Amino acid sequence: MPPDKSPEPIEVLMAVRTIPNATGAPGYSVTMPCSIENAAPVRRFVREVAGAWGLDDLADDTALVVTELVANAAQHTKSPLMRVSITRPDPDLIRVAVTDRSRTFPTMQSSSVTDERGRGLALINALTERWGAETRPWGKQVWGELKGKTSA
């Protein structure tokens, strides 16, 4: 290869199986490597599901919340895998969650205007109706709920 040409980027394709919930609230989940590089496919995933449910008004905020949840899992855990789930507990409510193998709960941080990090949970707090974290036998699940416009 000539020295003035860099190699073309190689797109890595990952086989991911999206699993619909068998019972309970409508929902889907996907398990993938716990990496910040997976934020983009996860955003597409939650946007598509929100659109399929007719909750397009929540698609962008849900994508932003799930990006922060994925970033937190990738940056603050040593978990090799994460599970991203999106459910619809009520007709106008989306719950998005990331489950990893860490037992350490996220904590809200104070950040200054010059800090490049530390605002993720504040952003999640601002965009969601409520959010939280729960222990699981294998780690924890961090989630946020977003409420759409109610039909008149």
C-alpha atoms as a PDB file:
ATOM      1  CA  MET A   1       0.000   0.000   0.000  1.00  0.00           C
ATOM      2  CA  PRO A   2       1.425   3.426  -0.881  1.00  0.00           C
ATOM      3  CA  PRO A   3       2.480   5.441   2.192  1.00  0.00           C
ATOM      4  CA  ASP A   4       0.150   8.346   1.353  1.00  0.00           C
ATOM      5  CA  LYS A   5      -2.985   6.202   1.467  1.00  0.00           C
ATOM      6  CA  SER A   6      -4.510   4.982   4.676  1.00  0.00           C
ATOM      7  CA  PRO A   7      -6.455   1.759   4.696  1.00  0.00           C
ATOM      8  CA  GLU A   8     -10.212   1.998   4.226  1.00  0.00           C
ATOM      9  CA  PRO A   9     -12.154   1.552   7.447  1.00  0.00           C
ATOM     10  CA  ILE A  10     -13.353  -1.959   7.968  1.00  0.00           C
ATOM     11  CA  GLU A  11     -16.926  -2.188   9.116  1.00  0.00           C
ATOM     12  CA  VAL A  12     -17.329  -4.815  11.759  1.00  0.00           C
ATOM     13  CA  LEU A  13     -20.654  -6.582  11.628  1.00  0.00           C
ATOM     14  CA  MET A  14     -21.945  -8.190  14.755  1.00  0.00           C
ATOM     15  CA  ALA A  15     -24.636 -10.814  14.816  1.00  0.00           C
ATOM     16  CA  VAL A  16     -27.195  -9.610  17.326  1.00  0.00           C
ATOM     17  CA  ARG A  17     -30.479 -11.302  18.049  1.00  0.00           C
ATOM     18  CA  THR A  18     -33.311  -9.112  19.242  1.00  0.00           C
ATOM     19  CA  ILE A  19     -35.641 -11.028  21.513  1.00  0.00           C
ATOM     20  CA  PRO A  20     -39.268  -9.968  22.062  1.00  0.00           C
ATOM     21  CA  ASN A  21     -40.702 -10.348  25.550  1.00  0.00           C
ATOM     22  CA  ALA A  22     -42.655 -13.569  25.906  1.00  0.00           C
ATOM     23  CA  THR A  23     -45.109 -12.214  28.469  1.00  0.00           C
ATOM     24  CA  GLY A  24     -45.957  -9.001  30.277  1.00  0.00           C
ATOM     25  CA  ALA A  25     -45.397  -5.537  28.841  1.00  0.00           C
ATOM     26  CA  PRO A  26     -44.424  -5.356  25.168  1.00  0.00           C
ATOM     27  CA  GLY A  27     -40.669  -5.192  24.846  1.00  0.00           C
ATOM     28  CA  TYR A  28     -37.451  -6.249  23.216  1.00  0.00           C
ATOM     29  CA  SER A  29     -33.932  -6.894  24.415  1.00  0.00           C
ATOM     30  CA  VAL A  30     -30.554  -7.353  22.839  1.00  0.00           C
ATOM     31  CA  THR A  31     -27.298  -8.621  24.364  1.00  0.00           C
ATOM     32  CA  MET A  32     -24.018  -7.307  22.998  1.00  0.00           C
ATOM     33  CA  PRO A  33     -20.446  -6.506  24.033  1.00  0.00           C
ATOM     34  CA  CYS A  34     -20.268  -3.815  26.707  1.00  0.00           C
ATOM     35  CA  SER A  35     -18.580  -1.182  24.561  1.00  0.00           C
ATOM     36  CA  ILE A  36     -19.187   2.479  23.755  1.00  0.00           C
ATOM     37  CA  GLU A  37     -18.956   1.531  20.073  1.00  0.00           C
ATOM     38  CA  ASN A  38     -22.337  -0.172  20.474  1.00  0.00           C
ATOM     39  CA  ALA A  39     -24.091   3.090  21.370  1.00  0.00           C
ATOM     40  CA  ALA A  40     -24.959   3.815  17.713  1.00  0.00           C
ATOM     41  CA  PRO A  41     -26.657   0.465  16.987  1.00  0.00           C
ATOM     42  CA  VAL A  42     -28.473   0.693  20.333  1.00  0.00           C
ATOM     43  CA  ARG A  43     -29.777   4.175  19.424  1.00  0.00           C
ATOM     44  CA  ARG A  44     -31.120   2.796  16.136  1.00  0.00           C
ATOM     45  CA  PHE A  45     -32.678  -0.125  18.003  1.00  0.00           C
ATOM     46  CA  VAL A  46     -34.618   2.042  20.484  1.00  0.00           C
ATOM     47  CA  ARG A  47     -35.666   4.554  17.799  1.00  0.00           C
ATOM     48  CA  GLU A  48     -37.081   1.753  15.648  1.00  0.00           C
ATOM     49  CA  VAL A  49     -38.974   0.224  18.567  1.00  0.00           C
ATOM     50  CA  ALA A  50     -40.378   3.603  19.678  1.00  0.00           C
ATOM     51  CA  GLY A  51     -41.500   4.254  16.096  1.00  0.00           C
ATOM     52  CA  ALA A  52     -43.106   0.821  15.792  1.00  0.00           C
ATOM     53  CA  TRP A  53     -45.078   1.578  18.959  1.00  0.00           C
ATOM     54  CA  GLY A  54     -46.202   4.956  17.581  1.00  0.00           C
ATOM     55  CA  LEU A  55     -44.163   6.825  20.200  1.00  0.00           C
ATOM     56  CA  ASP A  56     -42.031   8.813  17.758  1.00  0.00           C
ATOM     57  CA  ASP A  57     -42.153  11.804  20.132  1.00  0.00           C
ATOM     58  CA  LEU A  58     -40.013   9.767  22.556  1.00  0.00           C
ATOM     59  CA  ALA A  59     -37.534   8.344  20.049  1.00  0.00           C
ATOM     60  CA  ASP A  60     -34.820  11.015  20.282  1.00  0.00           C
ATOM     61  CA  ASP A  61     -34.912  11.380  24.080  1.00  0.00           C
ATOM     62  CA  THR A  62     -34.973   7.597  24.500  1.00  0.00           C
ATOM     63  CA  ALA A  63     -31.960   7.319  22.192  1.00  0.00           C
ATOM     64  CA  LEU A  64     -30.099   9.917  24.251  1.00  0.00           C
ATOM     65  CA  VAL A  65     -30.935   8.204  27.543  1.00  0.00           C
ATOM     66  CA  VAL A  66     -29.855   4.784  26.280  1.00  0.00           C
ATOM     67  CA  THR A  67     -26.613   6.291  24.942  1.00  0.00           C
ATOM     68  CA  GLU A  68     -25.804   7.560  28.432  1.00  0.00           C
ATOM     69  CA  LEU A  69     -26.712   4.209  29.999  1.00  0.00           C
ATOM     70  CA  VAL A  70     -24.472   2.361  27.523  1.00  0.00           C
ATOM     71  CA  ALA A  71     -21.636   4.856  28.085  1.00  0.00           C
ATOM     72  CA  ASN A  72     -21.885   4.402  31.861  1.00  0.00           C
ATOM     73  CA  ALA A  73     -21.784   0.615  31.562  1.00  0.00           C
ATOM     74  CA  ALA A  74     -18.857   0.717  29.130  1.00  0.00           C
ATOM     75  CA  GLN A  75     -16.826   3.257  31.129  1.00  0.00           C
ATOM     76  CA  HIS A  76     -17.505   2.179  34.692  1.00  0.00           C
ATOM     77  CA  THR A  77     -17.788  -1.609  34.585  1.00  0.00           C
ATOM     78  CA  LYS A  78     -15.570  -4.462  33.507  1.00  0.00           C
ATOM     79  CA  SER A  79     -18.574  -6.355  32.234  1.00  0.00           C
ATOM     80  CA  PRO A  80     -17.867  -8.103  28.917  1.00  0.00           C
ATOM     81  CA  LEU A  81     -21.538  -8.035  27.916  1.00  0.00           C
ATOM     82  CA  MET A  82     -24.557  -5.823  28.479  1.00  0.00           C
ATOM     83  CA  ARG A  83     -28.221  -6.349  27.808  1.00  0.00           C
ATOM     84  CA  VAL A  84     -30.240  -3.420  26.491  1.00  0.00           C
ATOM     85  CA  SER A  85     -33.981  -3.676  26.904  1.00  0.00           C
ATOM     86  CA  ILE A  86     -36.886  -1.489  25.947  1.00  0.00           C
ATOM     87  CA  THR A  87     -40.376  -2.106  27.282  1.00  0.00           C
ATOM     88  CA  ARG A  88     -43.732  -0.377  27.153  1.00  0.00           C
ATOM     89  CA  PRO A  89     -45.298  -0.725  30.608  1.00  0.00           C
ATOM     90  CA  ASP A  90     -48.123   1.699  29.687  1.00  0.00           C
ATOM     91  CA  PRO A  91     -49.414   2.914  26.304  1.00  0.00           C
ATOM     92  CA  ASP A  92     -47.513   6.227  26.568  1.00  0.00           C
ATOM     93  CA  LEU A  93     -44.496   5.074  28.619  1.00  0.00           C
ATOM     94  CA  ILE A  94     -41.146   3.637  27.509  1.00  0.00           C
ATOM     95  CA  ARG A  95     -38.716   2.033  29.919  1.00  0.00           C
ATOM     96  CA  VAL A  96     -35.189   1.596  28.611  1.00  0.00           C
ATOM     97  CA  ALA A  97     -32.578  -0.295  30.617  1.00  0.00           C
ATOM     98  CA  VAL A  98     -29.005  -1.537  30.485  1.00  0.00           C
ATOM     99  CA  THR A  99     -28.028  -4.570  32.520  1.00  0.00           C
ATOM    100  CA  ASP A 100     -24.398  -5.436  33.214  1.00  0.00           C
ATOM    101  CA  ARG A 101     -22.475  -7.705  35.575  1.00  0.00           C
ATOM    102  CA  SER A 102     -21.198  -4.958  37.884  1.00  0.00           C
ATOM    103  CA  ARG A 103     -22.773  -4.550  41.315  1.00  0.00           C
ATOM    104  CA  THR A 104     -21.615  -0.940  41.640  1.00  0.00           C
ATOM    105  CA  PHE A 105     -24.507   1.499  41.342  1.00  0.00           C
ATOM    106  CA  PRO A 106     -24.091   4.746  39.416  1.00  0.00           C
ATOM    107  CA  THR A 107     -23.913   7.959  41.422  1.00  0.00           C
ATOM    108  CA  MET A 108     -24.780  11.481  40.367  1.00  0.00           C
ATOM    109  CA  GLN A 109     -21.666  13.665  40.125  1.00  0.00           C
ATOM    110  CA  SER A 110     -21.168  17.380  40.333  1.00  0.00           C
ATOM    111  CA  SER A 111     -19.524  18.796  37.238  1.00  0.00           C
ATOM    112  CA  SER A 112     -18.387  22.225  36.146  1.00  0.00           C
ATOM    113  CA  VAL A 113     -18.993  23.771  32.738  1.00  0.00           C
ATOM    114  CA  THR A 114     -15.453  22.817  31.702  1.00  0.00           C
ATOM    115  CA  ASP A 115     -15.716  19.135  32.681  1.00  0.00           C
ATOM    116  CA  GLU A 116     -15.959  16.752  29.751  1.00  0.00           C
ATOM    117  CA  ARG A 117     -17.493  13.952  31.817  1.00  0.00           C
ATOM    118  CA  GLY A 118     -19.851  13.518  34.720  1.00  0.00           C
ATOM    119  CA  ARG A 119     -23.119  14.795  33.273  1.00  0.00           C
ATOM    120  CA  GLY A 120     -24.704  11.532  32.093  1.00  0.00           C
ATOM    121  CA  LEU A 121     -26.940  10.867  35.078  1.00  0.00           C
ATOM    122  CA  ALA A 122     -27.955  14.529  35.280  1.00  0.00           C
ATOM    123  CA  LEU A 123     -29.035  14.300  31.654  1.00  0.00           C
ATOM    124  CA  ILE A 124     -30.927  11.066  32.325  1.00  0.00           C
ATOM    125  CA  ASN A 125     -32.582  12.721  35.328  1.00  0.00           C
ATOM    126  CA  ALA A 126     -33.674  15.683  33.185  1.00  0.00           C
ATOM    127  CA  LEU A 127     -35.086  13.599  30.316  1.00  0.00           C
ATOM    128  CA  THR A 128     -36.888  10.855  32.232  1.00  0.00           C
ATOM    129  CA  GLU A 129     -39.991  10.768  34.394  1.00  0.00           C
ATOM    130  CA  ARG A 130     -37.944   8.661  36.767  1.00  0.00           C
ATOM    131  CA  TRP A 131     -34.838   6.495  36.696  1.00  0.00           C
ATOM    132  CA  GLY A 132     -33.081   4.086  38.995  1.00  0.00           C
ATOM    133  CA  ALA A 133     -30.935   1.022  39.452  1.00  0.00           C
ATOM    134  CA  GLU A 134     -31.800  -2.419  40.748  1.00  0.00           C
ATOM    135  CA  THR A 135     -29.694  -5.382  41.730  1.00  0.00           C
ATOM    136  CA  ARG A 136     -29.928  -8.565  39.746  1.00  0.00           C
ATOM    137  CA  PRO A 137     -28.492 -11.965  40.724  1.00  0.00           C
ATOM    138  CA  TRP A 138     -25.700 -11.405  38.185  1.00  0.00           C
ATOM    139  CA  GLY A 139     -25.165  -7.624  38.502  1.00  0.00           C
ATOM    140  CA  LYS A 140     -27.388  -4.575  38.143  1.00  0.00           C
ATOM    141  CA  GLN A 141     -29.875  -2.939  35.826  1.00  0.00           C
ATOM    142  CA  VAL A 142     -29.963   0.844  35.354  1.00  0.00           C
ATOM    143  CA  TRP A 143     -33.150   2.147  33.772  1.00  0.00           C
ATOM    144  CA  GLY A 144     -35.092   5.257  32.849  1.00  0.00           C
ATOM    145  CA  GLU A 145     -38.753   5.822  32.026  1.00  0.00           C
ATOM    146  CA  LEU A 146     -39.925   8.356  29.447  1.00  0.00           C
ATOM    147  CA  LYS A 147     -43.528   9.456  29.121  1.00  0.00           C
ATOM    148  CA  GLY A 148     -45.044  10.401  25.791  1.00  0.00           C
ATOM    149  CA  LYS A 149     -47.891  12.676  24.888  1.00  0.00           C
ATOM    150  CA  THR A 150     -51.197  11.252  25.982  1.00  0.00           C
ATOM    151  CA  SER A 151     -53.973  10.929  23.452  1.00  0.00           C
ATOM    152  CA  ALA A 152     -56.938  13.205  23.995  1.00  0.00           C
END
